[in-house]
Protein backbone atom coordinates (compact mmCIF):
# COMPACT_ATOMS: atom_id res chain seq x y z
CA UNK A 1 24.24 18.82 50.22
CA UNK A 2 23.19 16.05 47.60
CA UNK A 3 22.78 18.05 44.64
CA UNK A 4 26.14 20.22 44.75
CA UNK A 5 28.05 16.92 45.17
CA UNK A 6 26.80 15.71 42.08
CA UNK A 7 27.27 18.92 39.98
CA UNK A 8 30.76 19.17 40.62
CA UNK A 9 33.98 18.01 39.04
CA UNK A 10 31.83 17.00 35.73
CA UNK A 11 29.50 14.72 37.70
CA UNK A 12 26.35 15.20 35.77
CA UNK A 13 23.76 12.95 34.03
CA UNK A 14 23.72 15.70 30.86
CA UNK A 15 27.50 15.22 30.19
CA UNK A 16 27.16 11.48 30.14
CA UNK A 17 29.51 11.08 32.93
CA UNK A 18 26.84 10.19 35.40
CA UNK A 19 27.32 10.77 39.21
CA UNK A 20 30.73 9.47 39.44
CA UNK A 21 32.14 12.13 37.07
CA UNK A 22 33.66 9.45 34.42
CA UNK A 23 32.31 7.75 31.66
CA UNK A 24 30.72 4.69 33.03
CA UNK A 25 27.75 4.29 30.78
CA UNK A 26 29.31 1.29 29.04
CA UNK A 27 30.38 -0.56 32.07
CA UNK A 28 26.59 0.33 33.19
CA UNK A 29 25.31 -1.94 30.01
CA UNK A 30 27.52 -5.00 31.12
CA UNK A 31 26.30 -4.68 34.48
CA UNK A 32 22.84 -4.45 33.60
CA UNK A 33 23.07 -7.62 31.40
CA UNK A 34 24.39 -9.60 34.38
CA UNK A 35 21.99 -8.37 36.93
CA UNK A 36 19.06 -8.82 34.58
CA UNK A 37 20.20 -12.28 33.53
CA UNK A 38 21.00 -12.97 37.18
CA UNK A 39 17.50 -12.05 38.33
CA UNK A 40 16.01 -13.85 35.28
CA UNK A 41 14.37 -10.66 34.23
CA UNK A 42 11.46 -11.12 32.07
CA UNK A 43 9.45 -8.53 29.44
CA UNK A 44 6.64 -6.82 31.54
CA UNK A 45 8.51 -7.63 34.98
CA UNK A 46 8.63 -4.51 37.48
CA UNK A 47 11.90 -3.28 38.85
CA UNK A 48 12.37 -0.69 41.79
CA UNK A 49 16.04 0.99 41.62
CA UNK A 50 16.79 2.41 44.86
CA UNK A 51 19.30 5.27 44.39
CA UNK A 52 18.52 5.16 40.49
CA UNK A 53 20.77 8.09 39.71
CA UNK A 54 20.60 9.03 35.79
CA UNK A 55 18.28 6.03 35.27
CA UNK A 56 20.83 4.39 33.28
CA UNK A 57 20.12 0.78 34.65
CA UNK A 58 16.38 0.97 34.39
CA UNK A 59 16.93 2.09 31.00
CA UNK A 60 18.89 -0.86 29.89
CA UNK A 61 16.33 -3.19 31.69
CA UNK A 62 13.70 -1.91 29.69
CA UNK A 63 15.58 -1.56 25.99
CA UNK A 64 17.12 -4.99 26.65
CA UNK A 65 14.33 -6.89 28.86
CA UNK A 66 11.21 -4.92 28.27
CA UNK A 67 11.35 -4.29 32.07
CA UNK A 68 9.03 -1.64 33.90
CA UNK A 69 11.24 0.58 35.90
CA UNK A 70 10.31 2.84 38.83
CA UNK A 71 13.38 4.39 40.23
CA UNK A 72 14.02 6.67 43.46
CA UNK A 73 16.79 9.02 44.07
CA UNK A 74 17.62 12.00 46.63
CA UNK A 75 19.31 14.38 44.12
CA UNK A 76 17.04 16.61 42.36
CA UNK A 77 19.56 16.83 39.23
CA UNK A 78 19.54 13.20 38.79
CA UNK A 79 15.99 12.95 39.31
CA UNK A 80 15.35 15.69 36.82
CA UNK A 81 17.63 14.26 34.08
CA UNK A 82 16.19 10.68 34.48
CA UNK A 83 12.57 11.99 34.57
CA UNK A 84 13.20 13.32 30.94
CA UNK A 85 15.65 11.13 29.32
CA UNK A 86 15.67 7.51 31.02
CA UNK A 87 13.35 4.80 30.52
CA UNK A 88 10.68 4.49 33.62
CA UNK A 89 9.14 6.55 36.33
CA UNK A 90 11.44 8.51 38.60
CA UNK A 91 10.93 9.97 41.92
CA UNK A 92 12.73 12.23 44.01
CA UNK A 93 13.13 11.06 47.46
CA UNK A 94 15.51 11.68 50.08
CA UNK A 95 13.98 10.05 53.26
CA UNK A 96 14.94 6.90 54.33
CA UNK A 97 11.28 5.77 55.18
CA UNK A 98 9.74 3.71 52.08
CA UNK A 99 6.35 3.26 53.61
CA UNK A 100 4.69 4.63 50.92
CA UNK A 101 5.99 2.38 48.22
CA UNK A 102 3.40 -0.63 48.56
CA UNK A 103 5.05 -4.04 49.90
CA UNK A 104 4.99 -6.86 47.62
CA UNK A 105 4.78 -4.53 44.52
CA UNK A 106 7.81 -5.47 42.55
CA UNK A 107 9.35 -8.48 40.65
CA UNK A 108 12.70 -7.21 41.38
CA UNK A 109 14.72 -4.66 43.44
CA UNK A 110 18.06 -3.35 42.68
CA UNK A 111 20.22 -0.84 44.22
CA UNK A 112 23.85 -0.10 42.84
CA UNK A 113 26.10 1.98 44.48
CA UNK A 114 23.54 3.61 46.63
CA UNK A 115 23.17 1.50 49.91
CA UNK A 116 26.83 2.09 51.00
CA UNK A 117 26.20 5.77 51.53
CA UNK A 118 23.90 4.95 54.46
CA UNK A 119 25.43 5.44 58.09
CA UNK A 120 25.33 3.59 60.72
CA UNK A 121 24.99 -0.13 59.55
CA UNK A 122 21.75 -0.35 61.37
CA UNK A 123 20.35 2.54 58.88
CA UNK A 124 21.69 0.48 55.76
CA UNK A 125 19.94 -2.87 57.16
CA UNK A 126 16.83 -0.89 57.66
CA UNK A 127 16.74 0.43 54.07
CA UNK A 128 17.59 -2.90 52.87
CA UNK A 129 14.79 -4.62 54.55
CA UNK A 130 12.20 -2.00 53.40
CA UNK A 131 13.53 -2.62 50.09
CA UNK A 132 13.18 -6.48 50.32
CA UNK A 133 9.42 -6.23 51.53
CA UNK A 134 8.87 -4.59 48.21
CA UNK A 135 9.16 -7.70 46.28
CA UNK A 136 6.02 -9.82 45.25
CA UNK A 137 6.31 -13.45 46.18
CA UNK A 138 8.85 -15.17 44.13
CA UNK A 139 10.55 -11.54 43.59
CA UNK A 140 14.51 -11.05 43.51
CA UNK A 141 16.65 -8.50 44.80
CA UNK A 142 20.34 -7.44 43.93
CA UNK A 143 22.13 -4.92 45.88
CA UNK A 144 25.64 -4.27 44.29
CA UNK A 145 28.81 -2.02 44.62
CA UNK A 146 28.47 -1.99 48.75
CA UNK A 147 31.82 -2.59 49.18
CA UNK A 148 34.63 -0.34 47.48
CA UNK A 149 37.92 -0.84 47.17
CA UNK A 150 39.74 1.57 49.76
CA UNK A 151 41.91 2.64 46.85
CA UNK A 152 38.94 4.74 45.17
CA UNK A 153 39.04 6.90 48.28
CA UNK A 154 35.53 6.65 48.97
CA UNK A 155 34.15 6.94 52.42
CA UNK A 156 31.49 4.23 52.87
CA UNK A 157 29.68 1.91 55.45
CA UNK A 158 31.43 -1.33 55.67
CA UNK A 159 28.74 -4.17 55.90
CA UNK A 160 30.15 -7.44 55.47
CA UNK A 161 28.42 -10.77 54.48
CA UNK A 162 28.06 -11.91 57.75
CA UNK A 163 26.06 -8.43 58.57
CA UNK A 164 24.03 -8.94 55.62
CA UNK A 165 23.09 -12.36 56.60
CA UNK A 166 22.19 -11.30 60.36
CA UNK A 167 20.28 -8.13 58.67
CA UNK A 168 18.15 -10.29 56.28
CA UNK A 169 17.71 -13.29 58.55
CA UNK A 170 16.26 -11.16 61.04
CA UNK A 171 13.72 -9.58 58.72
CA UNK A 172 12.88 -13.36 57.65
CA UNK A 173 12.18 -13.94 61.35
CA UNK A 174 10.40 -10.86 62.32
CA UNK A 175 8.00 -10.85 59.04
CA UNK A 176 7.94 -14.80 58.47
CA UNK A 177 9.35 -14.36 55.10
CA UNK A 178 11.48 -17.41 53.08
CA UNK A 179 14.23 -16.38 50.95
CA UNK A 180 17.79 -17.14 50.24
CA UNK A 181 20.68 -14.82 50.63
CA UNK A 182 23.27 -15.31 47.98
CA UNK A 183 26.63 -13.58 47.41
CA UNK A 184 28.19 -13.01 43.93
C-alpha cells in the first residue's frame, strides 16, 4: 500500500523529512534551482510535477521563479499535506493513465525520484511518453533521480540512456513530434 510505505520510519511531509525519512528539504532547494535554470523557467510558466510528493519542488519553483505548479501523486498522505501547505494545485491519482490531463498544456514537466518505481520498463516509457505530450510546443521536461546507486538499497526499474532514447524517439516518430533528448 502506497500510504503505509510513506508513513513508516519517520517518512512524512508533516515532520519535514518527506518521503525519504531524511531531512532533504535543503537538497531539494539546490536541485529545484538547477532544474528551473536548466528548463529556463520564467514567472507565470506552468509546471506539471508527476510524483510531486510533499510539493516541495513546486513550492520552490513558485517562490523563486513565479511558476504555477500542478502536482500529481498517488499517496493520499502526501496529497493531503501538499494541498494544505505547498504552493500549487495537487491531485491524488494512482493510475498510470494520464489522458485526463490535457496534452500541450504545460510549459514544463518534471518528475523527480518517481518514474523509477514503474515496472516493467515499458510502463516507465509509457508514462514518460504521456508526460512529454503534456508539454506545450517549445516546452521542456526534466526527469531526474531515475538511476539510484545500488548501495542505497532501493529497488528500481533500470532505464539506461539507450532506453530513454529509444522510448522518446519512438514517441517522436509515432506522434510527429520534434524534440531533443539531453542527459545531464
